[in-house]
Amino acid sequence: MNEKKLENTSIHYWINDTQLGSAIIFVHPAFANHTCFDTQLDYFRDYKVITIDLIGHGKSIGKGSIEDTSLHINQIMETEKIDKINLVGVSIGAVLVQDFANKYPSKVSSLTCIGGYDNNNFDKSLQKGNTKYQMKMMLKAMFSIKAFAEDNKKISAYTNEAQEKFYQMNLGFKKSSFRYLATLSKLINKYKTPKRDYPLLIGVGEYDNDMAKKASAIWHESEPDSKYVEFSGAGHIVNMDTPEQFNEVLKKVIR
């Protein structure tokens, strides 16, 4: 993978040398970075694969807003001369790839959202049960990123291997980067769902939290043409917990 910095932004991204096959961009969860998708790189080596460090994460530290991620993806596509792309997002990555699909529907080959919810029809009452816990986690992070990372790995990953890797990624998250996440809510219930001329995969882990499972099921019910998969043996970050199953399911969706 070749590392590049997007012109006039703080965004770093990685792209392989493959000239054949369609393009895929993988967008990681909060507190992680592009290495979240290391277990996808070899499997999809025949595709044009792009991974990205979201603003405030990994190497993408500087000016910018996370709500501009769709603009960053579009700029990457223009830079790399890509007309259409397969979007894959996990957790907040699922929110961000949906925002791209809302703004640039003609540029979407497929949309895969793992551990997410429907941006355009989200019942905020679903979030109420998690708000107190999230505030507690953020407070813990303000005092100790290490303590935060220890707790966050357990609610995000299910397997020991995925927990350890996610823990190490979380340790690299800076306390100051929480400000980048503050504008994420601006993307919720902002657009009407466009007519989808591409496949939609909605996925959730068997051991993900109740809100994520309920929100994913509601979304699938509202879009019956979507494909819904509950990944056995996985927590919130399905692609890290059960990469083989995730890769096989994803390959059937991408175009």
Protein backbone atom coordinates (compact mmCIF):
# COMPACT_ATOMS: atom_id res chain seq x y z
CA MET A 1 0.00 0.00 0.00
CA ASN A 2 1.31 3.44 -0.96
CA GLU A 3 0.80 6.23 1.55
CA LYS A 4 -0.44 9.56 0.21
CA LYS A 5 -1.57 12.88 1.68
CA LEU A 6 -4.64 14.48 0.14
CA GLU A 7 -3.75 17.88 -1.28
CA ASN A 8 -4.77 20.91 0.83
CA THR A 9 -6.09 18.70 3.66
CA SER A 10 -4.75 16.88 6.73
CA ILE A 11 -5.98 13.54 5.37
CA HIS A 12 -3.62 10.60 4.83
CA TYR A 13 -4.74 7.60 2.79
CA TRP A 14 -3.24 4.38 1.46
CA ILE A 15 -3.79 2.80 -1.95
CA ASN A 16 -2.45 -0.30 -3.66
CA ASP A 17 -0.90 -0.60 -7.13
CA THR A 18 -3.61 -2.75 -8.67
CA GLN A 19 -4.82 -1.43 -12.00
CA LEU A 20 -7.48 -4.08 -12.53
CA GLY A 21 -10.76 -4.54 -10.71
CA SER A 22 -13.15 -2.02 -9.20
CA ALA A 23 -12.32 0.30 -6.31
CA ILE A 24 -13.11 -0.19 -2.62
CA ILE A 25 -12.65 2.32 0.20
CA PHE A 26 -12.66 1.10 3.81
CA VAL A 27 -13.60 3.63 6.51
CA HIS A 28 -12.68 2.76 10.09
CA PRO A 29 -14.46 3.19 13.46
CA ALA A 30 -13.75 5.97 15.95
CA PHE A 31 -10.52 5.76 17.98
CA ALA A 32 -8.92 3.50 15.36
CA ASN A 33 -7.03 4.09 12.09
CA HIS A 34 -6.58 2.60 8.63
CA THR A 35 -4.83 -0.53 9.97
CA CYS A 36 -8.24 -1.68 11.20
CA PHE A 37 -8.57 -3.21 7.72
CA ASP A 38 -5.23 -5.01 7.48
CA THR A 39 -7.06 -8.35 7.36
CA GLN A 40 -8.85 -7.23 4.19
CA LEU A 41 -5.82 -6.10 2.15
CA ASP A 42 -4.56 -9.44 0.85
CA TYR A 43 -8.02 -10.89 0.21
CA PHE A 44 -9.00 -7.92 -1.95
CA ARG A 45 -5.60 -7.45 -3.58
CA ASP A 46 -7.13 -7.76 -7.07
CA TYR A 47 -9.24 -4.66 -6.41
CA LYS A 48 -8.16 -1.03 -6.16
CA VAL A 49 -8.16 -0.82 -2.35
CA ILE A 50 -8.08 2.46 -0.42
CA THR A 51 -7.88 2.86 3.35
CA ILE A 52 -7.97 6.20 5.13
CA ASP A 53 -7.16 7.80 8.46
CA LEU A 54 -10.18 9.92 9.34
CA ILE A 55 -9.54 13.45 10.55
CA GLY A 56 -8.32 13.34 14.15
CA HIS A 57 -7.14 9.75 13.79
CA GLY A 58 -3.79 8.18 12.95
CA LYS A 59 -1.75 10.54 10.78
CA SER A 60 -4.68 12.79 9.83
CA ILE A 61 -4.16 15.41 12.51
CA GLY A 62 -4.71 19.08 11.71
CA LYS A 63 -7.36 21.37 10.31
CA GLY A 64 -10.63 19.84 9.18
CA SER A 65 -13.97 18.41 10.25
CA ILE A 66 -15.21 14.85 10.24
CA GLU A 67 -18.39 15.99 8.49
CA ASP A 68 -16.18 16.75 5.47
CA THR A 69 -15.26 13.08 5.04
CA SER A 70 -17.55 12.71 2.00
CA LEU A 71 -15.68 15.60 0.37
CA HIS A 72 -12.37 13.91 1.20
CA ILE A 73 -13.51 10.64 -0.38
CA ASN A 74 -14.68 12.47 -3.48
CA GLN A 75 -11.35 14.29 -3.71
CA ILE A 76 -9.46 11.00 -3.39
CA MET A 77 -11.57 9.58 -6.22
CA GLU A 78 -10.82 12.57 -8.44
CA THR A 79 -7.11 12.38 -7.61
CA GLU A 80 -6.97 8.65 -8.38
CA LYS A 81 -9.26 8.96 -11.43
CA ILE A 82 -11.94 6.67 -9.97
CA ASP A 83 -15.48 7.13 -11.30
CA LYS A 84 -17.38 4.78 -8.96
CA ILE A 85 -16.49 3.13 -5.70
CA ASN A 86 -17.56 0.40 -3.28
CA LEU A 87 -18.05 2.01 0.15
CA VAL A 88 -17.35 -0.01 3.31
CA GLY A 89 -17.79 1.59 6.73
CA VAL A 90 -17.65 0.21 10.26
CA SER A 91 -19.34 2.02 13.18
CA ILE A 92 -18.90 5.77 12.55
CA GLY A 93 -17.38 4.71 9.26
CA ALA A 94 -20.87 3.45 8.37
CA VAL A 95 -22.30 6.91 9.12
CA LEU A 96 -19.67 8.59 6.95
CA VAL A 97 -19.98 6.33 3.89
CA GLN A 98 -23.76 6.83 3.99
CA ASP A 99 -23.19 10.57 3.89
CA PHE A 100 -21.10 10.10 0.74
CA ALA A 101 -23.87 7.96 -0.78
CA ASN A 102 -26.41 10.70 0.03
CA LYS A 103 -24.32 13.37 -1.68
CA TYR A 104 -22.85 11.40 -4.59
CA PRO A 105 -25.28 8.54 -5.38
CA SER A 106 -24.10 8.21 -8.98
CA LYS A 107 -20.56 7.47 -7.76
CA VAL A 108 -21.55 4.48 -5.58
CA SER A 109 -21.01 0.90 -6.75
CA SER A 110 -22.13 -0.66 -3.47
CA LEU A 111 -22.67 0.40 0.14
CA THR A 112 -21.70 -1.77 3.14
CA CYS A 113 -22.46 -0.56 6.67
CA ILE A 114 -21.36 -2.58 9.68
CA GLY A 115 -22.51 -1.80 13.23
CA GLY A 116 -24.28 1.33 12.01
CA TYR A 117 -27.76 2.74 11.60
CA ASP A 118 -29.82 4.52 8.96
CA ASN A 119 -28.53 8.10 8.84
CA ASN A 120 -31.68 9.35 7.15
CA ASN A 121 -34.28 7.74 9.42
CA PHE A 122 -32.67 7.39 12.82
CA ASP A 123 -34.91 7.26 15.87
CA LYS A 124 -32.79 9.11 18.44
CA SER A 125 -34.68 7.43 21.27
CA LEU A 126 -32.63 4.32 20.47
CA GLN A 127 -29.55 6.20 21.60
CA LYS A 128 -30.88 7.16 25.04
CA GLY A 129 -29.85 3.95 26.71
CA ASN A 130 -26.24 4.42 25.62
CA THR A 131 -25.80 8.13 26.29
CA LYS A 132 -24.86 7.79 29.98
CA TYR A 133 -22.37 5.04 29.26
CA GLN A 134 -20.78 7.03 26.40
CA MET A 135 -20.37 10.07 28.66
CA LYS A 136 -18.74 7.88 31.29
CA MET A 137 -16.33 6.49 28.69
CA MET A 138 -15.42 9.96 27.43
CA LEU A 139 -14.77 11.15 30.98
CA LYS A 140 -12.53 8.17 31.55
CA ALA A 141 -10.60 9.01 28.38
CA MET A 142 -10.01 12.55 29.60
CA PHE A 143 -8.18 11.14 32.62
CA SER A 144 -6.51 8.15 31.00
CA ILE A 145 -6.47 7.01 27.39
CA LYS A 146 -5.03 3.69 28.56
CA ALA A 147 -8.00 3.02 30.86
CA PHE A 148 -10.37 4.11 28.10
CA ALA A 149 -8.67 1.81 25.58
CA GLU A 150 -8.88 -1.13 27.99
CA ASP A 151 -12.65 -0.71 28.36
CA ASN A 152 -13.31 0.20 24.74
CA LYS A 153 -11.62 -2.90 23.35
CA LYS A 154 -14.03 -5.08 25.35
CA ILE A 155 -17.18 -3.41 24.02
CA SER A 156 -15.87 -3.16 20.46
CA ALA A 157 -14.19 -6.49 19.77
CA TYR A 158 -15.08 -10.03 20.80
CA THR A 159 -11.98 -12.12 20.03
CA ASN A 160 -8.78 -11.73 22.03
CA GLU A 161 -6.73 -11.02 18.92
CA ALA A 162 -9.06 -8.25 17.71
CA GLN A 163 -9.28 -6.78 21.21
CA GLU A 164 -5.51 -6.49 21.48
CA LYS A 165 -5.11 -4.87 18.07
CA PHE A 166 -7.98 -2.46 18.69
CA TYR A 167 -6.49 -1.61 22.10
CA GLN A 168 -3.19 -0.65 20.49
CA MET A 169 -4.98 1.56 17.96
CA ASN A 170 -6.96 3.25 20.74
CA LEU A 171 -3.73 4.09 22.59
CA GLY A 172 -2.75 6.25 19.62
CA PHE A 173 -5.93 8.33 19.82
CA LYS A 174 -5.23 11.79 21.22
CA LYS A 175 -7.50 13.36 23.85
CA SER A 176 -7.64 16.51 21.75
CA SER A 177 -9.15 14.51 18.89
CA PHE A 178 -12.51 14.15 20.64
CA ARG A 179 -13.38 17.57 19.23
CA TYR A 180 -13.31 16.15 15.72
CA LEU A 181 -16.19 13.80 16.59
CA ALA A 182 -18.47 16.55 17.90
CA THR A 183 -20.00 17.41 14.51
CA LEU A 184 -20.95 13.84 13.59
CA SER A 185 -24.57 14.44 14.65
CA LYS A 186 -24.93 17.01 11.84
CA LEU A 187 -25.12 14.13 9.36
CA ILE A 188 -28.16 12.49 11.00
CA ASN A 189 -31.69 12.87 9.58
CA LYS A 190 -30.43 15.48 7.13
CA TYR A 191 -31.28 13.81 3.80
CA LYS A 192 -34.02 11.72 2.28
CA THR A 193 -32.80 8.30 1.24
CA PRO A 194 -31.98 8.37 -2.47
CA LYS A 195 -33.17 5.68 -4.86
CA ARG A 196 -30.49 3.06 -4.57
CA ASP A 197 -29.20 1.75 -7.88
CA TYR A 198 -26.57 -0.28 -6.04
CA PRO A 199 -26.46 -3.11 -3.46
CA LEU A 200 -26.78 -2.25 0.23
CA LEU A 201 -25.31 -4.60 2.86
CA ILE A 202 -26.27 -4.01 6.49
CA GLY A 203 -24.22 -6.04 8.95
CA VAL A 204 -23.93 -6.42 12.69
CA GLY A 205 -22.01 -8.71 15.03
CA GLU A 206 -23.67 -11.43 17.07
CA TYR A 207 -22.22 -9.89 20.23
CA ASP A 208 -22.69 -6.22 19.35
CA ASN A 209 -24.73 -4.03 21.71
CA ASP A 210 -28.54 -4.13 21.67
CA MET A 211 -28.89 -0.67 20.14
CA ALA A 212 -26.69 -1.53 17.15
CA LYS A 213 -28.55 -4.79 16.56
CA LYS A 214 -31.96 -3.16 16.84
CA ALA A 215 -31.03 -0.18 14.66
CA SER A 216 -29.58 -2.46 11.97
CA ALA A 217 -32.70 -4.65 11.93
CA ILE A 218 -35.01 -1.61 11.69
CA TRP A 219 -32.96 -0.24 8.81
CA HIS A 220 -33.14 -3.53 6.93
CA GLU A 221 -36.90 -3.67 7.41
CA SER A 222 -37.23 -0.17 5.93
CA GLU A 223 -35.15 -1.18 2.90
CA PRO A 224 -36.25 -4.74 2.09
CA ASP A 225 -33.97 -4.92 -0.97
CA SER A 226 -30.95 -4.67 1.30
CA LYS A 227 -28.94 -7.69 2.40
CA TYR A 228 -28.79 -8.20 6.17
CA VAL A 229 -26.14 -10.33 7.87
CA GLU A 230 -25.54 -11.04 11.55
CA PHE A 231 -21.94 -12.22 11.82
CA SER A 232 -21.56 -15.06 14.26
CA GLY A 233 -18.70 -14.85 16.75
CA ALA A 234 -18.21 -11.11 16.20
CA GLY A 235 -18.64 -7.96 18.24
CA HIS A 236 -18.91 -4.40 16.92
CA ILE A 237 -15.85 -4.45 14.64
CA VAL A 238 -16.87 -7.47 12.60
CA ASN A 239 -14.07 -7.21 10.03
CA MET A 240 -11.45 -7.67 12.76
CA ASP A 241 -13.27 -10.33 14.80
CA THR A 242 -14.27 -12.60 11.91
CA PRO A 243 -12.29 -11.43 8.87
CA GLU A 244 -12.75 -14.56 6.79
CA GLN A 245 -16.55 -14.49 7.09
CA PHE A 246 -16.62 -10.72 6.56
CA ASN A 247 -14.43 -10.91 3.45
CA GLU A 248 -16.52 -13.64 1.86
CA VAL A 249 -19.80 -11.79 2.50
CA LEU A 250 -18.40 -8.49 1.26
CA LYS A 251 -17.03 -9.99 -1.95
CA LYS A 252 -20.55 -11.03 -2.97
CA VAL A 253 -21.75 -7.42 -2.63
CA ILE A 254 -19.01 -5.34 -4.27
CA ARG A 255 -19.32 -4.52 -7.94
